[in-house]
Structures are given as C-alpha cells and as structure tokens.
Amino acid sequence: MDRLDPARTALTLVHMGKGVAGKVDTPFSRIFRPRAEQTGIIGVQERLLDGFRSATAKVVYTLVTYEPGFPGVRPNSPLYRAAIDADALQEGTPAVEVMDEVAPGPGEPVVRGTAGSGFEGTPLDTILRWEGVDTLVLAGVATDVAVESTARAACDLGYRTVIVSDACTADSDDAHVSALGRLQKWFGETPTADQVLSALG
C-alpha cells in the first residue's frame, strides 16, 4: 500500500467497549468477546496502537453510549432492540468504557454516539479535520456493522479509508470476509496490520 503520512493519518478504534468486546456481560459481548479472543484482534490492535503512538500519529476511539431510558432510540432494528431489551451500553456504566487492553492514552479522544457509524451524530469529523487528518485507519467490532458503517461514512466524507483486515472481527468468519470484500470493492483498502505499520513507518 502507499505510504501513510503520520501527520495526516488517524487510527480509529471502533466500538471496542467493555460491553461490546470486553468482559462486561451484554448481548454483544457474549458474541464478540469470544470472537475477539479467537481471532486475536486485541493483540493486533495493541501493536497498531504502539506503532501509531511511536509515529506520533493520531489515535481516536468511538463508542456506543445510550442515555438512561434510551431517549431518541427506536427499537426499529434487531441491533437497537437488543440494546433496549437488555438495558445495555448506558452512560455511567462500565459497559461503555474502552477495554483496558486498548485503553486511550493521554489526549486521545473518545467519541460517543448512538449509531453504528462513528460519525453519525458525533464530532468525529470535526475532530479529524481540526487535526489535519485526511486518512482514516479503522479497526474494531464488528466488521460488518460499526466498522463497515464508519468506513462508508468516511469514504463519503472524502477520507482515504483503510480497514485493517486482521484488526477487526464479526460474528462469523463468513460475515467478516464478506464485509471486507464489499469494503475493498467500493470504499477503501483492506491491508493487514503489518502492511499498515510498514506504510506508516
């Protein structure tokens, strides 16, 4: 892949919350924590964080966080119904903290919203443009849900969009591979973490 300029590139960890891929029990962590462990994405994300921080590139996080009572959130999809039915991912609870293994460092922003895309209803685009970022490197959960939604939005907003293929996972290998295929065909690049770190370094 072409070189990544650290001054204009941001690593974005998508929805790596304790109640999504961590050890806080929710309907989501019951699916994605085992998948994260099986696929090894947490270790890959740790390597990416080390590399981006060493290169003084930007790091930003997105998290789903609902207000108590879920105001403004409609149970119009299986995703939102699962959150509402389980009373999950509400502000002020451990479920909406970033996982300890990939926790933010000093000055690394955590952007909170209620949608799959990290851009929807959040200041993510403003933060990135203020920092002079034009390239977004995405890792997180799930490849075919929040990662894909965020990647599509990033592409629409004009960012060079890079989805790290071995730093994301879905609820199955087939779903992961299918999402990467769509993303590579239409919206961005899907290199491995090694390729990303080589391009950054």
Protein backbone atom coordinates (compact mmCIF):
# COMPACT_ATOMS: atom_id res chain seq x y z
CA MET A 1 0.00 0.00 0.00
CA ASP A 2 1.03 3.63 -0.47
CA ARG A 3 2.79 5.44 2.35
CA LEU A 4 0.77 6.76 5.28
CA ASP A 5 1.75 10.24 6.48
CA PRO A 6 1.65 10.15 10.31
CA ALA A 7 0.76 13.84 10.44
CA ARG A 8 -2.38 13.26 8.36
CA THR A 9 -3.42 9.78 9.49
CA ALA A 10 -5.58 8.68 12.41
CA LEU A 11 -6.10 5.22 13.84
CA THR A 12 -9.72 4.88 14.90
CA LEU A 13 -10.71 2.04 17.21
CA VAL A 14 -14.38 1.42 16.56
CA HIS A 15 -16.64 0.41 19.46
CA MET A 16 -14.03 -1.51 21.49
CA GLY A 17 -16.04 -1.08 24.66
CA LYS A 18 -16.12 -3.39 27.65
CA GLY A 19 -19.75 -4.20 26.90
CA VAL A 20 -19.10 -4.88 23.21
CA ALA A 21 -15.89 -6.91 23.01
CA GLY A 22 -14.83 -6.84 26.65
CA LYS A 23 -15.76 -8.76 29.75
CA VAL A 24 -18.83 -6.80 30.88
CA ASP A 25 -21.80 -9.06 30.21
CA THR A 26 -24.17 -7.84 27.48
CA PRO A 27 -25.79 -9.50 24.46
CA PHE A 28 -22.99 -8.00 22.38
CA SER A 29 -20.02 -9.09 24.49
CA ARG A 30 -21.40 -12.63 24.57
CA ILE A 31 -20.91 -12.68 20.80
CA PHE A 32 -17.87 -10.51 20.23
CA ARG A 33 -15.63 -11.24 23.22
CA PRO A 34 -15.21 -14.89 22.17
CA ARG A 35 -14.68 -13.79 18.56
CA ALA A 36 -12.06 -11.22 19.61
CA GLU A 37 -10.22 -13.89 21.57
CA GLN A 38 -10.46 -16.47 18.78
CA THR A 39 -9.24 -14.11 16.07
CA GLY A 40 -6.59 -12.32 18.15
CA ILE A 41 -7.69 -8.84 17.15
CA ILE A 42 -6.94 -7.32 20.55
CA GLY A 43 -3.25 -8.13 20.26
CA VAL A 44 -3.21 -6.79 16.71
CA GLN A 45 -4.85 -3.57 17.89
CA GLU A 46 -2.26 -3.24 20.65
CA ARG A 47 0.50 -3.44 18.01
CA LEU A 48 -1.26 -0.81 15.91
CA LEU A 49 -1.59 1.49 18.91
CA ASP A 50 2.10 1.11 19.72
CA GLY A 51 3.05 1.86 16.13
CA PHE A 52 0.80 4.89 15.74
CA ARG A 53 1.86 6.34 19.07
CA SER A 54 5.54 5.84 18.24
CA ALA A 55 4.97 7.61 14.92
CA THR A 56 3.10 10.42 16.74
CA ALA A 57 0.07 9.77 14.54
CA LYS A 58 -3.42 10.48 15.84
CA VAL A 59 -5.48 7.91 17.76
CA VAL A 60 -9.22 8.29 18.36
CA TYR A 61 -11.91 5.99 19.71
CA THR A 62 -15.62 5.61 19.04
CA LEU A 63 -18.10 4.08 21.49
CA VAL A 64 -21.84 3.48 21.52
CA THR A 65 -23.31 5.09 24.63
CA TYR A 66 -27.01 5.44 25.37
CA GLU A 67 -28.63 7.77 27.87
CA PRO A 68 -30.75 6.09 30.55
CA GLY A 69 -34.13 5.24 29.14
CA PHE A 70 -32.80 5.30 25.57
CA PRO A 71 -34.30 8.67 24.57
CA GLY A 72 -34.42 9.10 20.81
CA VAL A 73 -33.52 5.47 20.13
CA ARG A 74 -36.19 3.43 18.39
CA PRO A 75 -36.36 -0.37 18.50
CA ASN A 76 -36.65 -0.39 14.71
CA SER A 77 -33.89 -2.95 14.13
CA PRO A 78 -32.56 -6.11 15.80
CA LEU A 79 -29.47 -4.13 16.85
CA TYR A 80 -31.33 -1.42 18.74
CA ARG A 81 -33.95 -3.82 20.12
CA ALA A 82 -31.16 -5.94 21.63
CA ALA A 83 -29.67 -2.92 23.40
CA ILE A 84 -33.01 -1.68 24.70
CA ASP A 85 -34.27 -5.11 25.78
CA ALA A 86 -31.05 -5.77 27.71
CA ASP A 87 -30.81 -2.24 29.12
CA ALA A 88 -27.25 -2.30 27.80
CA LEU A 89 -24.49 0.19 26.94
CA GLN A 90 -25.81 3.05 29.06
CA GLU A 91 -23.72 6.02 30.13
CA GLY A 92 -22.15 5.84 33.56
CA THR A 93 -21.75 2.05 33.43
CA PRO A 94 -18.56 0.01 32.92
CA ALA A 95 -20.01 -1.33 29.66
CA VAL A 96 -19.29 1.98 27.91
CA GLU A 97 -15.66 2.26 28.96
CA VAL A 98 -12.91 1.42 26.46
CA MET A 99 -11.44 -2.03 27.07
CA ASP A 100 -8.38 -1.93 29.33
CA GLU A 101 -6.21 -3.76 26.79
CA VAL A 102 -6.58 -0.94 24.25
CA ALA A 103 -7.31 1.98 26.58
CA PRO A 104 -6.79 5.56 25.39
CA GLY A 105 -3.58 7.35 26.15
CA PRO A 106 -3.33 11.00 27.26
CA GLY A 107 -5.09 13.33 24.85
CA GLU A 108 -6.65 10.59 22.75
CA PRO A 109 -10.33 11.47 22.32
CA VAL A 110 -13.24 9.09 22.88
CA VAL A 111 -16.20 9.98 20.68
CA ARG A 112 -19.59 8.74 21.84
CA GLY A 113 -22.73 8.23 19.77
CA THR A 114 -25.79 6.04 19.50
CA ALA A 115 -25.47 4.75 15.95
CA GLY A 116 -23.42 2.13 14.16
CA SER A 117 -21.31 4.73 12.37
CA GLY A 118 -18.80 6.59 14.49
CA PHE A 119 -19.64 9.74 12.51
CA GLU A 120 -23.41 9.80 12.98
CA GLY A 121 -24.39 12.49 15.49
CA THR A 122 -20.82 12.87 16.81
CA PRO A 123 -17.98 15.40 16.46
CA LEU A 124 -15.64 12.81 14.90
CA ASP A 125 -15.38 14.55 11.52
CA THR A 126 -14.74 17.91 13.19
CA ILE A 127 -12.02 16.44 15.43
CA LEU A 128 -10.26 14.80 12.49
CA ARG A 129 -10.39 17.86 10.23
CA TRP A 130 -9.18 20.12 13.05
CA GLU A 131 -6.15 17.84 13.40
CA GLY A 132 -5.48 17.92 9.63
CA VAL A 133 -6.35 14.25 9.15
CA ASP A 134 -7.32 13.05 5.69
CA THR A 135 -6.65 9.32 6.12
CA LEU A 136 -8.60 7.09 8.49
CA VAL A 137 -7.31 3.67 9.57
CA LEU A 138 -10.11 1.61 11.12
CA ALA A 139 -10.02 -1.35 13.50
CA GLY A 140 -12.73 -2.72 15.74
CA VAL A 141 -16.06 -4.51 16.05
CA ALA A 142 -17.97 -5.57 14.13
CA THR A 143 -16.56 -5.66 10.63
CA ASP A 144 -19.99 -5.86 9.03
CA VAL A 145 -21.73 -3.43 11.39
CA ALA A 146 -19.98 -0.46 13.03
CA VAL A 147 -16.67 -0.79 11.18
CA GLU A 148 -18.40 -1.00 7.80
CA SER A 149 -20.82 1.83 8.68
CA THR A 150 -17.95 4.07 9.79
CA ALA A 151 -15.86 3.20 6.73
CA ARG A 152 -18.69 4.00 4.34
CA ALA A 153 -19.26 7.34 6.06
CA ALA A 154 -15.54 8.13 5.99
CA CYS A 155 -15.42 7.43 2.26
CA ASP A 156 -18.45 9.66 1.66
CA LEU A 157 -16.75 12.44 3.63
CA GLY A 158 -13.66 12.23 1.42
CA TYR A 159 -11.20 10.42 3.68
CA ARG A 160 -8.74 7.88 2.40
CA THR A 161 -10.27 4.89 4.16
CA VAL A 162 -8.19 1.94 5.38
CA ILE A 163 -9.79 -1.03 7.15
CA VAL A 164 -7.21 -3.22 8.90
CA SER A 165 -8.30 -6.71 7.91
CA ASP A 166 -6.79 -8.58 10.86
CA ALA A 167 -7.73 -5.96 13.48
CA CYS A 168 -11.49 -6.37 13.01
CA THR A 169 -13.91 -9.22 13.55
CA ALA A 170 -17.57 -10.07 13.01
CA ASP A 171 -19.86 -12.69 14.48
CA SER A 172 -18.57 -15.23 11.95
CA ASP A 173 -15.66 -15.67 9.57
CA ASP A 174 -18.06 -15.52 6.62
CA ALA A 175 -19.54 -12.20 7.76
CA HIS A 176 -16.05 -10.76 8.28
CA VAL A 177 -14.78 -11.84 4.87
CA SER A 178 -17.94 -10.69 3.11
CA ALA A 179 -17.75 -7.23 4.69
CA LEU A 180 -14.07 -6.85 3.78
CA GLY A 181 -14.89 -7.82 0.21
CA ARG A 182 -17.55 -5.11 -0.06
CA LEU A 183 -15.34 -2.53 1.55
CA GLN A 184 -12.36 -3.28 -0.68
CA LYS A 185 -14.52 -3.30 -3.80
CA TRP A 186 -16.23 0.03 -3.18
CA PHE A 187 -14.99 2.04 -0.22
CA GLY A 188 -11.35 1.58 0.80
CA GLU A 189 -8.25 -0.51 1.33
CA THR A 190 -8.11 -3.67 3.45
CA PRO A 191 -4.44 -4.32 4.32
CA THR A 192 -3.10 -6.26 7.28
CA ALA A 193 -1.70 -4.55 10.35
CA ASP A 194 1.86 -5.39 9.24
CA GLN A 195 1.24 -3.64 5.92
CA VAL A 196 -0.23 -0.61 7.67
CA LEU A 197 2.66 -0.30 10.10
CA SER A 198 5.17 -0.68 7.29
CA ALA A 199 3.42 2.09 5.31
CA LEU A 200 3.34 4.30 8.40
CA GLY A 201 6.97 3.72 9.32
